[in-house]
PDB file of N, CA and C in Angstrom:
ATOM      1  N   MET A   1     271.468  44.536  45.576  1.00  0.00           N
ATOM      2  CA  MET A   1     272.467  43.886  44.747  1.00  0.00           C
ATOM      3  C   MET A   1     273.014  44.870  43.725  1.00  0.00           C
ATOM      4  N   ALA A   2     274.289  44.729  43.456  1.00  0.00           N
ATOM      5  CA  ALA A   2     274.951  45.597  42.483  1.00  0.00           C
ATOM      6  C   ALA A   2     274.879  44.972  41.095  1.00  0.00           C
ATOM      7  N   ALA A   3     275.018  45.803  40.072  1.00  0.00           N
ATOM      8  CA  ALA A   3     275.026  45.310  38.695  1.00  0.00           C
ATOM      9  C   ALA A   3     276.447  45.402  38.147  1.00  0.00           C
ATOM     10  N   ASP A   4     276.807  44.459  37.279  1.00  0.00           N
ATOM     11  CA  ASP A   4     278.122  44.502  36.658  1.00  0.00           C
ATOM     12  C   ASP A   4     278.068  45.393  35.419  1.00  0.00           C
ATOM     13  N   LEU A   5     279.147  45.408  34.636  1.00  0.00           N
ATOM     14  CA  LEU A   5     279.221  46.271  33.459  1.00  0.00           C
ATOM     15  C   LEU A   5     278.168  45.954  32.400  1.00  0.00           C
ATOM     16  N   PHE A   6     277.666  44.731  32.407  1.00  0.00           N
ATOM     17  CA  PHE A   6     276.674  44.322  31.421  1.00  0.00           C
ATOM     18  C   PHE A   6     275.246  44.464  31.925  1.00  0.00           C
ATOM     19  N   GLY A   7     275.093  45.030  33.125  1.00  0.00           N
ATOM     20  CA  GLY A   7     273.770  45.231  33.684  1.00  0.00           C
ATOM     21  C   GLY A   7     273.215  44.003  34.379  1.00  0.00           C
ATOM     22  N   LEU A   8     274.022  42.965  34.511  1.00  0.00           N
ATOM     23  CA  LEU A   8     273.580  41.746  35.188  1.00  0.00           C
ATOM     24  C   LEU A   8     273.821  41.879  36.683  1.00  0.00           C
ATOM     25  N   GLU A   9     272.946  41.241  37.461  1.00  0.00           N
ATOM     26  CA  GLU A   9     273.102  41.315  38.908  1.00  0.00           C
ATOM     27  C   GLU A   9     274.351  40.574  39.332  1.00  0.00           C
ATOM     28  N   GLN A  10     275.061  41.165  40.276  1.00  0.00           N
ATOM     29  CA  GLN A  10     276.260  40.565  40.823  1.00  0.00           C
ATOM     30  C   GLN A  10     275.910  40.061  42.211  1.00  0.00           C
ATOM     31  N   LEU A  11     276.058  38.762  42.437  1.00  0.00           N
ATOM     32  CA  LEU A  11     275.635  38.173  43.696  1.00  0.00           C
ATOM     33  C   LEU A  11     276.560  38.509  44.854  1.00  0.00           C
ATOM     34  N   THR A  12     277.865  38.480  44.619  1.00  0.00           N
ATOM     35  CA  THR A  12     278.801  38.792  45.693  1.00  0.00           C
ATOM     36  C   THR A  12     279.689  39.951  45.261  1.00  0.00           C
ATOM     37  N   ALA A  13     279.976  40.796  46.196  1.00  0.00           N
ATOM     38  CA  ALA A  13     280.851  41.925  45.902  1.00  0.00           C
ATOM     39  C   ALA A  13     282.276  41.428  45.681  1.00  0.00           C
ATOM     40  N   ARG A  14     282.975  42.060  44.759  1.00  0.00           N
ATOM     41  CA  ARG A  14     284.368  41.700  44.516  1.00  0.00           C
ATOM     42  C   ARG A  14     285.231  42.334  45.596  1.00  0.00           C
ATOM     43  N   THR A  15     286.200  41.567  46.106  1.00  0.00           N
ATOM     44  CA  THR A  15     287.019  42.073  47.204  1.00  0.00           C
ATOM     45  C   THR A  15     288.500  42.163  46.875  1.00  0.00           C
ATOM     46  N   ASN A  16     288.932  41.760  45.696  1.00  0.00           N
ATOM     47  CA  ASN A  16     290.336  41.797  45.334  1.00  0.00           C
ATOM     48  C   ASN A  16     290.770  43.244  45.139  1.00  0.00           C
ATOM     49  N   SER A  17     291.713  43.710  45.935  1.00  0.00           N
ATOM     50  CA  SER A  17     292.144  45.098  45.833  1.00  0.00           C
ATOM     51  C   SER A  17     293.140  45.300  44.695  1.00  0.00           C
ATOM     52  N   ARG A  18     293.703  44.240  44.157  1.00  0.00           N
ATOM     53  CA  ARG A  18     294.610  44.259  43.013  1.00  0.00           C
ATOM     54  C   ARG A  18     295.757  45.259  43.183  1.00  0.00           C
ATOM     55  N   PRO A  19     296.634  45.023  44.155  1.00  0.00           N
ATOM     56  CA  PRO A  19     297.736  45.960  44.377  1.00  0.00           C
ATOM     57  C   PRO A  19     298.691  46.046  43.184  1.00  0.00           C
ATOM     58  N   GLU A  20     298.849  44.965  42.420  1.00  0.00           N
ATOM     59  CA  GLU A  20     299.742  45.027  41.261  1.00  0.00           C
ATOM     60  C   GLU A  20     299.154  45.910  40.160  1.00  0.00           C
ATOM     61  N   ALA A  21     297.843  45.910  40.006  1.00  0.00           N
ATOM     62  CA  ALA A  21     297.203  46.766  39.011  1.00  0.00           C
ATOM     63  C   ALA A  21     297.410  48.236  39.368  1.00  0.00           C
ATOM     64  N   ALA A  22     297.332  48.567  40.644  1.00  0.00           N
ATOM     65  CA  ALA A  22     297.562  49.946  41.080  1.00  0.00           C
ATOM     66  C   ALA A  22     299.015  50.337  40.835  1.00  0.00           C
ATOM     67  N   ALA A  23     299.932  49.426  41.117  1.00  0.00           N
ATOM     68  CA  ALA A  23     301.357  49.695  40.867  1.00  0.00           C
ATOM     69  C   ALA A  23     301.597  49.898  39.379  1.00  0.00           C
ATOM     70  N   LEU A  24     300.928  49.113  38.544  1.00  0.00           N
ATOM     71  CA  LEU A  24     301.103  49.223  37.090  1.00  0.00           C
ATOM     72  C   LEU A  24     300.701  50.610  36.588  1.00  0.00           C
ATOM     73  N   VAL A  25     299.594  51.135  37.079  1.00  0.00           N
ATOM     74  CA  VAL A  25     299.140  52.470  36.671  1.00  0.00           C
ATOM     75  C   VAL A  25     300.195  53.511  37.040  1.00  0.00           C
ATOM     76  N   GLU A  26     300.701  53.435  38.254  1.00  0.00           N
ATOM     77  CA  GLU A  26     301.695  54.404  38.725  1.00  0.00           C
ATOM     78  C   GLU A  26     302.996  54.294  37.929  1.00  0.00           C
ATOM     79  N   VAL A  27     303.486  53.065  37.739  1.00  0.00           N
ATOM     80  CA  VAL A  27     304.745  52.851  37.023  1.00  0.00           C
ATOM     81  C   VAL A  27     304.609  53.260  35.563  1.00  0.00           C
ATOM     82  N   LEU A  28     303.534  52.874  34.921  1.00  0.00           N
ATOM     83  CA  LEU A  28     303.336  53.204  33.507  1.00  0.00           C
ATOM     84  C   LEU A  28     303.275  54.717  33.297  1.00  0.00           C
ATOM     85  N   THR A  29     302.619  55.421  34.187  1.00  0.00           N
ATOM     86  CA  THR A  29     302.561  56.883  34.102  1.00  0.00           C
ATOM     87  C   THR A  29     303.959  57.478  34.262  1.00  0.00           C
ATOM     88  N   ALA A  30     304.730  56.966  35.216  1.00  0.00           N
ATOM     89  CA  ALA A  30     306.084  57.473  35.444  1.00  0.00           C
ATOM     90  C   ALA A  30     306.981  57.218  34.240  1.00  0.00           C
ATOM     91  N   VAL A  31     306.888  56.031  33.644  1.00  0.00           N
ATOM     92  CA  VAL A  31     307.720  55.705  32.491  1.00  0.00           C
ATOM     93  C   VAL A  31     307.314  56.555  31.286  1.00  0.00           C
ATOM     94  N   ARG A  32     306.020  56.657  31.037  1.00  0.00           N
ATOM     95  CA  ARG A  32     305.540  57.411  29.869  1.00  0.00           C
ATOM     96  C   ARG A  32     305.908  58.890  29.922  1.00  0.00           C
ATOM     97  N   THR A  33     306.011  59.450  31.104  1.00  0.00           N
ATOM     98  CA  THR A  33     306.280  60.884  31.229  1.00  0.00           C
ATOM     99  C   THR A  33     307.757  61.199  31.483  1.00  0.00           C
ATOM    100  N   HIS A  34     308.584  60.185  31.615  1.00  0.00           N
ATOM    101  CA  HIS A  34     310.007  60.421  31.889  1.00  0.00           C
ATOM    102  C   HIS A  34     310.696  60.949  30.639  1.00  0.00           C
ATOM    103  N   PRO A  35     311.512  61.999  30.773  1.00  0.00           N
ATOM    104  CA  PRO A  35     312.147  62.600  29.589  1.00  0.00           C
ATOM    105  C   PRO A  35     313.131  61.685  28.864  1.00  0.00           C
ATOM    106  N   ALA A  36     313.645  60.657  29.509  1.00  0.00           N
ATOM    107  CA  ALA A  36     314.601  59.750  28.857  1.00  0.00           C
ATOM    108  C   ALA A  36     313.910  58.701  27.984  1.00  0.00           C
ATOM    109  N   VAL A  37     312.586  58.593  28.097  1.00  0.00           N
ATOM    110  CA  VAL A  37     311.836  57.545  27.387  1.00  0.00           C
ATOM    111  C   VAL A  37     311.229  58.110  26.104  1.00  0.00           C
ATOM    112  N   ALA A  38     311.558  57.450  24.978  1.00  0.00           N
ATOM    113  CA  ALA A  38     310.998  57.862  23.680  1.00  0.00           C
ATOM    114  C   ALA A  38     309.571  57.354  23.535  1.00  0.00           C
ATOM    115  N   TRP A  39     309.348  56.085  23.883  1.00  0.00           N
ATOM    116  CA  TRP A  39     308.014  55.500  23.825  1.00  0.00           C
ATOM    117  C   TRP A  39     307.977  54.270  24.711  1.00  0.00           C
ATOM    118  N   CYS A  40     306.786  53.875  25.117  1.00  0.00           N
ATOM    119  CA  CYS A  40     306.596  52.621  25.852  1.00  0.00           C
ATOM    120  C   CYS A  40     305.137  52.192  25.711  1.00  0.00           C
ATOM    121  N   GLU A  41     304.942  50.903  25.825  1.00  0.00           N
ATOM    122  CA  GLU A  41     303.598  50.331  25.727  1.00  0.00           C
ATOM    123  C   GLU A  41     303.411  49.248  26.774  1.00  0.00           C
ATOM    124  N   ARG A  42     302.203  49.104  27.232  1.00  0.00           N
ATOM    125  CA  ARG A  42     301.818  48.019  28.144  1.00  0.00           C
ATOM    126  C   ARG A  42     301.712  46.753  27.324  1.00  0.00           C
ATOM    127  N   MET A  43     302.369  45.701  27.770  1.00  0.00           N
ATOM    128  CA  MET A  43     302.319  44.418  27.077  1.00  0.00           C
ATOM    129  C   MET A  43     301.367  43.500  27.838  1.00  0.00           C
ATOM    130  N   ASN A  44     300.226  43.241  27.244  1.00  0.00           N
ATOM    131  CA  ASN A  44     299.280  42.333  27.871  1.00  0.00           C
ATOM    132  C   ASN A  44     299.691  40.903  27.587  1.00  0.00           C
ATOM    133  N   SER A  45     299.600  40.075  28.584  1.00  0.00           N
ATOM    134  CA  SER A  45     299.885  38.661  28.386  1.00  0.00           C
ATOM    135  C   SER A  45     298.834  37.871  29.150  1.00  0.00           C
ATOM    136  N   GLY A  46     298.785  36.610  28.870  1.00  0.00           N
ATOM    137  CA  GLY A  46     297.788  35.760  29.505  1.00  0.00           C
ATOM    138  C   GLY A  46     297.104  34.908  28.462  1.00  0.00           C
ATOM    139  N   ALA A  47     295.904  34.483  28.758  1.00  0.00           N
ATOM    140  CA  ALA A  47     295.170  33.606  27.848  1.00  0.00           C
ATOM    141  C   ALA A  47     293.672  33.791  28.056  1.00  0.00           C
ATOM    142  N   ALA A  48     292.921  33.413  27.037  1.00  0.00           N
ATOM    143  CA  ALA A  48     291.462  33.490  27.110  1.00  0.00           C
ATOM    144  C   ALA A  48     290.865  32.431  26.192  1.00  0.00           C
ATOM    145  N   ARG A  49     289.694  32.014  26.533  1.00  0.00           N
ATOM    146  CA  ARG A  49     288.965  31.083  25.682  1.00  0.00           C
ATOM    147  C   ARG A  49     288.087  31.914  24.750  1.00  0.00           C
ATOM    148  N   ILE A  50     288.337  31.772  23.462  1.00  0.00           N
ATOM    149  CA  ILE A  50     287.565  32.489  22.449  1.00  0.00           C
ATOM    150  C   ILE A  50     286.868  31.437  21.605  1.00  0.00           C
ATOM    151  N   GLY A  51     285.560  31.402  21.737  1.00  0.00           N
ATOM    152  CA  GLY A  51     284.824  30.324  21.074  1.00  0.00           C
ATOM    153  C   GLY A  51     285.257  29.000  21.679  1.00  0.00           C
ATOM    154  N   GLY A  52     285.650  28.079  20.844  1.00  0.00           N
ATOM    155  CA  GLY A  52     286.116  26.786  21.341  1.00  0.00           C
ATOM    156  C   GLY A  52     287.628  26.702  21.436  1.00  0.00           C
ATOM    157  N   ARG A  53     288.320  27.836  21.243  1.00  0.00           N
ATOM    158  CA  ARG A  53     289.782  27.811  21.250  1.00  0.00           C
ATOM    159  C   ARG A  53     290.352  28.526  22.471  1.00  0.00           C
ATOM    160  N   PHE A  54     291.539  28.103  22.854  1.00  0.00           N
ATOM    161  CA  PHE A  54     292.283  28.718  23.938  1.00  0.00           C
ATOM    162  C   PHE A  54     293.388  29.539  23.293  1.00  0.00           C
ATOM    163  N   VAL A  55     293.370  30.872  23.455  1.00  0.00           N
ATOM    164  CA  VAL A  55     294.310  31.762  22.772  1.00  0.00           C
ATOM    165  C   VAL A  55     295.214  32.434  23.801  1.00  0.00           C
ATOM    166  N   ARG A  56     296.536  32.373  23.559  1.00  0.00           N
ATOM    167  CA  ARG A  56     297.518  33.030  24.420  1.00  0.00           C
ATOM    168  C   ARG A  56     297.877  34.396  23.845  1.00  0.00           C
ATOM    169  N   PHE A  57     298.112  35.361  24.751  1.00  0.00           N
ATOM    170  CA  PHE A  57     298.518  36.700  24.371  1.00  0.00           C
ATOM    171  C   PHE A  57     299.913  36.954  24.932  1.00  0.00           C
ATOM    172  N   GLY A  58     300.742  37.646  24.174  1.00  0.00           N
ATOM    173  CA  GLY A  58     302.091  37.927  24.636  1.00  0.00           C
ATOM    174  C   GLY A  58     302.960  36.687  24.528  1.00  0.00           C
ATOM    175  N   PHE A  59     304.097  36.709  25.211  1.00  0.00           N
ATOM    176  CA  PHE A  59     304.995  35.565  25.201  1.00  0.00           C
ATOM    177  C   PHE A  59     305.609  35.397  26.580  1.00  0.00           C
ATOM    178  N   THR A  60     306.099  34.203  26.846  1.00  0.00           N
ATOM    179  CA  THR A  60     306.602  33.844  28.167  1.00  0.00           C
ATOM    180  C   THR A  60     307.709  34.787  28.615  1.00  0.00           C
ATOM    181  N   GLY A  61     307.551  35.344  29.796  1.00  0.00           N
ATOM    182  CA  GLY A  61     308.564  36.200  30.385  1.00  0.00           C
ATOM    183  C   GLY A  61     308.526  37.643  29.942  1.00  0.00           C
ATOM    184  N   CYS A  62     307.657  37.979  29.011  1.00  0.00           N
ATOM    185  CA  CYS A  62     307.589  39.345  28.496  1.00  0.00           C
ATOM    186  C   CYS A  62     307.287  40.324  29.641  1.00  0.00           C
ATOM    187  N   PRO A  63     308.069  41.400  29.743  1.00  0.00           N
ATOM    188  CA  PRO A  63     307.804  42.365  30.821  1.00  0.00           C
ATOM    189  C   PRO A  63     306.481  43.104  30.612  1.00  0.00           C
ATOM    190  N   ASP A  64     305.973  43.683  31.667  1.00  0.00           N
ATOM    191  CA  ASP A  64     304.697  44.403  31.616  1.00  0.00           C
ATOM    192  C   ASP A  64     304.765  45.637  30.722  1.00  0.00           C
ATOM    193  N   VAL A  65     305.943  46.259  30.662  1.00  0.00           N
ATOM    194  CA  VAL A  65     306.124  47.470  29.863  1.00  0.00           C
ATOM    195  C   VAL A  65     307.355  47.289  28.977  1.00  0.00           C
ATOM    196  N   LEU A  66     307.180  47.496  27.682  1.00  0.00           N
ATOM    197  CA  LEU A  66     308.296  47.498  26.735  1.00  0.00           C
ATOM    198  C   LEU A  66     308.368  48.872  26.105  1.00  0.00           C
ATOM    199  N   GLY A  67     309.573  49.330  25.857  1.00  0.00           N
ATOM    200  CA  GLY A  67     309.722  50.644  25.250  1.00  0.00           C
ATOM    201  C   GLY A  67     311.133  50.862  24.757  1.00  0.00           C
ATOM    202  N   GLN A  68     311.422  52.131  24.477  1.00  0.00           N
ATOM    203  CA  GLN A  68     312.734  52.508  23.980  1.00  0.00           C
ATOM    204  C   GLN A  68     313.130  53.836  24.605  1.00  0.00           C
ATOM    205  N   LEU A  69     314.378  53.906  25.016  1.00  0.00           N
ATOM    206  CA  LEU A  69     314.900  55.163  25.538  1.00  0.00           C
ATOM    207  C   LEU A  69     315.275  56.063  24.370  1.00  0.00           C
ATOM    208  N   ARG A  70     315.379  57.343  24.617  1.00  0.00           N
ATOM    209  CA  ARG A  70     315.720  58.294  23.557  1.00  0.00           C
ATOM    210  C   ARG A  70     317.101  58.027  22.963  1.00  0.00           C
ATOM    211  N   ASP A  71     317.977  57.375  23.724  1.00  0.00           N
ATOM    212  CA  ASP A  71     319.304  57.054  23.199  1.00  0.00           C
ATOM    213  C   ASP A  71     319.308  55.770  22.374  1.00  0.00           C
ATOM    214  N   GLY A  72     318.138  55.152  22.193  1.00  0.00           N
ATOM    215  CA  GLY A  72     318.011  53.983  21.335  1.00  0.00           C
ATOM    216  C   GLY A  72     317.960  52.652  22.048  1.00  0.00           C
ATOM    217  N   ARG A  73     318.251  52.618  23.344  1.00  0.00           N
ATOM    218  CA  ARG A  73     318.247  51.349  24.072  1.00  0.00           C
ATOM    219  C   ARG A  73     316.829  50.847  24.341  1.00  0.00           C
ATOM    220  N   LEU A  74     316.694  49.507  24.298  1.00  0.00           N
ATOM    221  CA  LEU A  74     315.427  48.856  24.624  1.00  0.00           C
ATOM    222  C   LEU A  74     315.157  48.995  26.110  1.00  0.00           C
ATOM    223  N   LEU A  75     313.903  49.176  26.475  1.00  0.00           N
ATOM    224  CA  LEU A  75     313.487  49.313  27.863  1.00  0.00           C
ATOM    225  C   LEU A  75     312.480  48.216  28.194  1.00  0.00           C
ATOM    226  N   GLY A  76     312.713  47.511  29.287  1.00  0.00           N
ATOM    227  CA  GLY A  76     311.775  46.503  29.771  1.00  0.00           C
ATOM    228  C   GLY A  76     311.546  46.694  31.255  1.00  0.00           C
ATOM    229  N   VAL A  77     310.293  46.807  31.664  1.00  0.00           N
ATOM    230  CA  VAL A  77     309.959  47.016  33.072  1.00  0.00           C
ATOM    231  C   VAL A  77     308.935  45.970  33.495  1.00  0.00           C
ATOM    232  N   GLU A  78     309.294  45.181  34.483  1.00  0.00           N
ATOM    233  CA  GLU A  78     308.365  44.218  35.072  1.00  0.00           C
ATOM    234  C   GLU A  78     307.795  44.869  36.325  1.00  0.00           C
ATOM    235  N   VAL A  79     306.482  44.979  36.408  1.00  0.00           N
ATOM    236  CA  VAL A  79     305.820  45.642  37.535  1.00  0.00           C
ATOM    237  C   VAL A  79     305.345  44.580  38.525  1.00  0.00           C
ATOM    238  N   LYS A  80     305.668  44.795  39.787  1.00  0.00           N
ATOM    239  CA  LYS A  80     305.253  43.892  40.857  1.00  0.00           C
ATOM    240  C   LYS A  80     304.698  44.695  42.020  1.00  0.00           C
ATOM    241  N   ALA A  81     303.742  44.116  42.717  1.00  0.00           N
ATOM    242  CA  ALA A  81     303.250  44.712  43.962  1.00  0.00           C
ATOM    243  C   ALA A  81     304.364  44.576  45.001  1.00  0.00           C
ATOM    244  N   GLN A  82     304.224  45.232  46.128  1.00  0.00           N
ATOM    245  CA  GLN A  82     305.279  45.213  47.148  1.00  0.00           C
ATOM    246  C   GLN A  82     305.683  43.788  47.541  1.00  0.00           C
ATOM    247  N   ALA A  83     304.733  42.882  47.610  1.00  0.00           N
ATOM    248  CA  ALA A  83     305.040  41.505  48.014  1.00  0.00           C
ATOM    249  C   ALA A  83     305.242  40.577  46.818  1.00  0.00           C
ATOM    250  N   GLY A  84     305.125  41.106  45.606  1.00  0.00           N
ATOM    251  CA  GLY A  84     305.218  40.271  44.415  1.00  0.00           C
ATOM    252  C   GLY A  84     306.623  39.753  44.159  1.00  0.00           C
ATOM    253  N   ARG A  85     306.705  38.572  43.553  1.00  0.00           N
ATOM    254  CA  ARG A  85     307.996  37.959  43.236  1.00  0.00           C
ATOM    255  C   ARG A  85     308.117  37.751  41.739  1.00  0.00           C
ATOM    256  N   LEU A  86     309.333  37.897  41.266  1.00  0.00           N
ATOM    257  CA  LEU A  86     309.650  37.688  39.861  1.00  0.00           C
ATOM    258  C   LEU A  86     309.659  36.192  39.559  1.00  0.00           C
ATOM    259  N   ARG A  87     308.971  35.775  38.501  1.00  0.00           N
ATOM    260  CA  ARG A  87     309.035  34.382  38.062  1.00  0.00           C
ATOM    261  C   ARG A  87     310.358  34.167  37.333  1.00  0.00           C
ATOM    262  N   PRO A  88     310.881  32.951  37.323  1.00  0.00           N
ATOM    263  CA  PRO A  88     312.173  32.689  36.672  1.00  0.00           C
ATOM    264  C   PRO A  88     312.225  33.143  35.217  1.00  0.00           C
ATOM    265  N   GLU A  89     311.163  32.904  34.448  1.00  0.00           N
ATOM    266  CA  GLU A  89     311.178  33.299  33.040  1.00  0.00           C
ATOM    267  C   GLU A  89     311.177  34.820  32.869  1.00  0.00           C
ATOM    268  N   GLN A  90     310.607  35.535  33.845  1.00  0.00           N
ATOM    269  CA  GLN A  90     310.645  36.999  33.808  1.00  0.00           C
ATOM    270  C   GLN A  90     312.061  37.496  34.089  1.00  0.00           C
ATOM    271  N   ALA A  91     312.728  36.882  35.059  1.00  0.00           N
ATOM    272  CA  ALA A  91     314.106  37.246  35.375  1.00  0.00           C
ATOM    273  C   ALA A  91     315.021  37.001  34.182  1.00  0.00           C
ATOM    274  N   VAL A  92     314.822  35.886  33.491  1.00  0.00           N
ATOM    275  CA  VAL A  92     315.627  35.556  32.317  1.00  0.00           C
ATOM    276  C   VAL A  92     315.421  36.597  31.221  1.00  0.00           C
ATOM    277  N   PHE A  93     314.176  36.986  30.987  1.00  0.00           N
ATOM    278  CA  PHE A  93     313.899  37.966  29.929  1.00  0.00           C
ATOM    279  C   PHE A  93     314.535  39.316  30.242  1.00  0.00           C
ATOM    280  N   LEU A  94     314.423  39.766  31.491  1.00  0.00           N
ATOM    281  CA  LEU A  94     315.041  41.038  31.874  1.00  0.00           C
ATOM    282  C   LEU A  94     316.557  40.970  31.697  1.00  0.00           C
ATOM    283  N   GLU A  95     317.146  39.833  32.038  1.00  0.00           N
ATOM    284  CA  GLU A  95     318.592  39.662  31.862  1.00  0.00           C
ATOM    285  C   GLU A  95     318.983  39.663  30.389  1.00  0.00           C
ATOM    286  N   ARG A  96     318.143  39.101  29.531  1.00  0.00           N
ATOM    287  CA  ARG A  96     318.411  39.130  28.080  1.00  0.00           C
ATOM    288  C   ARG A  96     318.441  40.570  27.566  1.00  0.00           C
ATOM    289  N   ILE A  97     317.528  41.398  28.051  1.00  0.00           N
ATOM    290  CA  ILE A  97     317.501  42.807  27.639  1.00  0.00           C
ATOM    291  C   ILE A  97     318.790  43.495  28.097  1.00  0.00           C
ATOM    292  N   ARG A  98     319.149  43.301  29.373  1.00  0.00           N
ATOM    293  CA  ARG A  98     320.371  43.920  29.893  1.00  0.00           C
ATOM    294  C   ARG A  98     321.609  43.413  29.154  1.00  0.00           C
ATOM    295  N   GLY A  99     321.642  42.125  28.853  1.00  0.00           N
ATOM    296  CA  GLY A  99     322.777  41.531  28.157  1.00  0.00           C
ATOM    297  C   GLY A  99     322.965  42.084  26.749  1.00  0.00           C
ATOM    298  N   ALA A 100     321.898  42.561  26.154  1.00  0.00           N
ATOM    299  CA  ALA A 100     321.971  43.134  24.805  1.00  0.00           C
ATOM    300  C   ALA A 100     322.175  44.651  24.840  1.00  0.00           C
ATOM    301  N   GLY A 101     322.443  45.186  26.037  1.00  0.00           N
ATOM    302  CA  GLY A 101     322.702  46.615  26.154  1.00  0.00           C
ATOM    303  C   GLY A 101     321.504  47.457  26.510  1.00  0.00           C
ATOM    304  N   GLY A 102     320.370  46.820  26.746  1.00  0.00           N
ATOM    305  CA  GLY A 102     319.159  47.559  27.101  1.00  0.00           C
ATOM    306  C   GLY A 102     319.063  47.828  28.591  1.00  0.00           C
ATOM    307  N   VAL A 103     317.973  48.432  28.979  1.00  0.00           N
ATOM    308  CA  VAL A 103     317.696  48.772  30.373  1.00  0.00           C
ATOM    309  C   VAL A 103     316.471  47.973  30.801  1.00  0.00           C
ATOM    310  N   ALA A 104     316.632  47.170  31.845  1.00  0.00           N
ATOM    311  CA  ALA A 104     315.529  46.333  32.313  1.00  0.00           C
ATOM    312  C   ALA A 104     315.562  46.267  33.830  1.00  0.00           C
ATOM    313  N   PHE A 105     314.387  46.362  34.446  1.00  0.00           N
ATOM    314  CA  PHE A 105     314.325  46.343  35.902  1.00  0.00           C
ATOM    315  C   PHE A 105     312.921  46.004  36.380  1.00  0.00           C
ATOM    316  N   VAL A 106     312.827  45.733  37.676  1.00  0.00           N
ATOM    317  CA  VAL A 106     311.549  45.503  38.351  1.00  0.00           C
ATOM    318  C   VAL A 106     311.167  46.803  39.030  1.00  0.00           C
ATOM    319  N   ALA A 107     309.922  47.216  38.881  1.00  0.00           N
ATOM    320  CA  ALA A 107     309.446  48.446  39.522  1.00  0.00           C
ATOM    321  C   ALA A 107     308.202  48.138  40.345  1.00  0.00           C
ATOM    322  N   ARG A 108     308.189  48.646  41.554  1.00  0.00           N
ATOM    323  CA  ARG A 108     307.036  48.486  42.441  1.00  0.00           C
ATOM    324  C   ARG A 108     306.290  49.802  42.612  1.00  0.00           C
ATOM    325  N   ASP A 109     306.950  50.901  42.262  1.00  0.00           N
ATOM    326  CA  ASP A 109     306.328  52.224  42.318  1.00  0.00           C
ATOM    327  C   ASP A 109     307.170  53.191  41.500  1.00  0.00           C
ATOM    328  N   LEU A 110     306.764  54.445  41.465  1.00  0.00           N
ATOM    329  CA  LEU A 110     307.457  55.428  40.628  1.00  0.00           C
ATOM    330  C   LEU A 110     308.868  55.721  41.109  1.00  0.00           C
ATOM    331  N   ARG A 111     309.154  55.531  42.392  1.00  0.00           N
ATOM    332  CA  ARG A 111     310.521  55.750  42.889  1.00  0.00           C
ATOM    333  C   ARG A 111     311.499  54.796  42.224  1.00  0.00           C
ATOM    334  N   ASP A 112     311.084  53.548  42.003  1.00  0.00           N
ATOM    335  CA  ASP A 112     311.939  52.578  41.317  1.00  0.00           C
ATOM    336  C   ASP A 112     312.226  53.033  39.889  1.00  0.00           C
ATOM    337  N   VAL A 113     311.216  53.552  39.221  1.00  0.00           N
ATOM    338  CA  VAL A 113     311.386  54.032  37.843  1.00  0.00           C
ATOM    339  C   VAL A 113     312.397  55.173  37.811  1.00  0.00           C
ATOM    340  N   LEU A 114     312.219  56.156  38.677  1.00  0.00           N
ATOM    341  CA  LEU A 114     313.116  57.311  38.701  1.00  0.00           C
ATOM    342  C   LEU A 114     314.550  56.887  39.010  1.00  0.00           C
ATOM    343  N   ARG A 115     314.724  56.005  39.985  1.00  0.00           N
ATOM    344  CA  ARG A 115     316.062  55.550  40.363  1.00  0.00           C
ATOM    345  C   ARG A 115     316.725  54.776  39.231  1.00  0.00           C
ATOM    346  N   GLU A 116     316.008  53.837  38.633  1.00  0.00           N
ATOM    347  CA  GLU A 116     316.588  52.986  37.590  1.00  0.00           C
ATOM    348  C   GLU A 116     316.900  53.772  36.320  1.00  0.00           C
ATOM    349  N   LEU A 117     316.038  54.697  35.950  1.00  0.00           N
ATOM    350  CA  LEU A 117     316.301  55.479  34.746  1.00  0.00           C
ATOM    351  C   LEU A 117     317.435  56.476  34.970  1.00  0.00           C
ATOM    352  N   GLU A 118     317.596  56.967  36.180  1.00  0.00           N
ATOM    353  CA  GLU A 118     318.740  57.831  36.490  1.00  0.00           C
ATOM    354  C   GLU A 118     320.031  57.015  36.437  1.00  0.00           C
ATOM    355  N   THR A 119     320.012  55.814  36.981  1.00  0.00           N
ATOM    356  CA  THR A 119     321.171  54.928  36.911  1.00  0.00           C
ATOM    357  C   THR A 119     321.515  54.601  35.468  1.00  0.00           C
ATOM    358  N   ALA A 120     320.509  54.348  34.642  1.00  0.00           N
ATOM    359  CA  ALA A 120     320.735  54.044  33.225  1.00  0.00           C
ATOM    360  C   ALA A 120     321.356  55.240  32.512  1.00  0.00           C
ATOM    361  N   LYS A 121     320.944  56.435  32.881  1.00  0.00           N
ATOM    362  CA  LYS A 121     321.495  57.655  32.278  1.00  0.00           C
ATOM    363  C   LYS A 121     322.977  57.789  32.641  1.00  0.00           C
ATOM    364  N   GLU A 122     323.305  57.532  33.886  1.00  0.00           N
ATOM    365  CA  GLU A 122     324.696  57.623  34.340  1.00  0.00           C
ATOM    366  C   GLU A 122     325.572  56.582  33.646  1.00  0.00           C
ATOM    367  N   LYS A 123     325.056  55.378  33.420  1.00  0.00           N
ATOM    368  CA  LYS A 123     325.823  54.328  32.752  1.00  0.00           C
ATOM    369  C   LYS A 123     326.074  54.646  31.289  1.00  0.00           C
ATOM    370  N   GLN A 124     325.176  55.409  30.699  1.00  0.00           N
ATOM    371  CA  GLN A 124     325.300  55.757  29.273  1.00  0.00           C
ATOM    372  C   GLN A 124     326.399  56.785  29.058  1.00  0.00           C
ATOM    373  N   LEU A 125     326.619  57.648  30.055  1.00  0.00           N
ATOM    374  CA  LEU A 125     327.607  58.725  29.908  1.00  0.00           C
ATOM    375  C   LEU A 125     329.019  58.223  29.925  1.00  0.00           C
TER     376      LEU A 125
END
């Protein structure tokens, strides 16, 4: 039997390959190292039970990555696995960013990041 992070025995092996988590690592690295990006941060969202309370993190529709381009525009990137679908509230939030002059897109890998940021650069000129 394997032990978990706390040293407790784990009865069944975990089998979730988490393709979206792998995509997030790749996309976040690409965004953070892109010369057009001034800064970006991973936005955690979800909920957890803390003591007797249920606490929410983030806000509805918030993209996985928020940041700012060097030219001052807001950047929002929603990361999805190859088969992942955008929820309606995520689509609305990305559209709000674009409507205010920012750059917002869905990325499944680093190629999406490179393509979208190049397109954003061309639109700025």
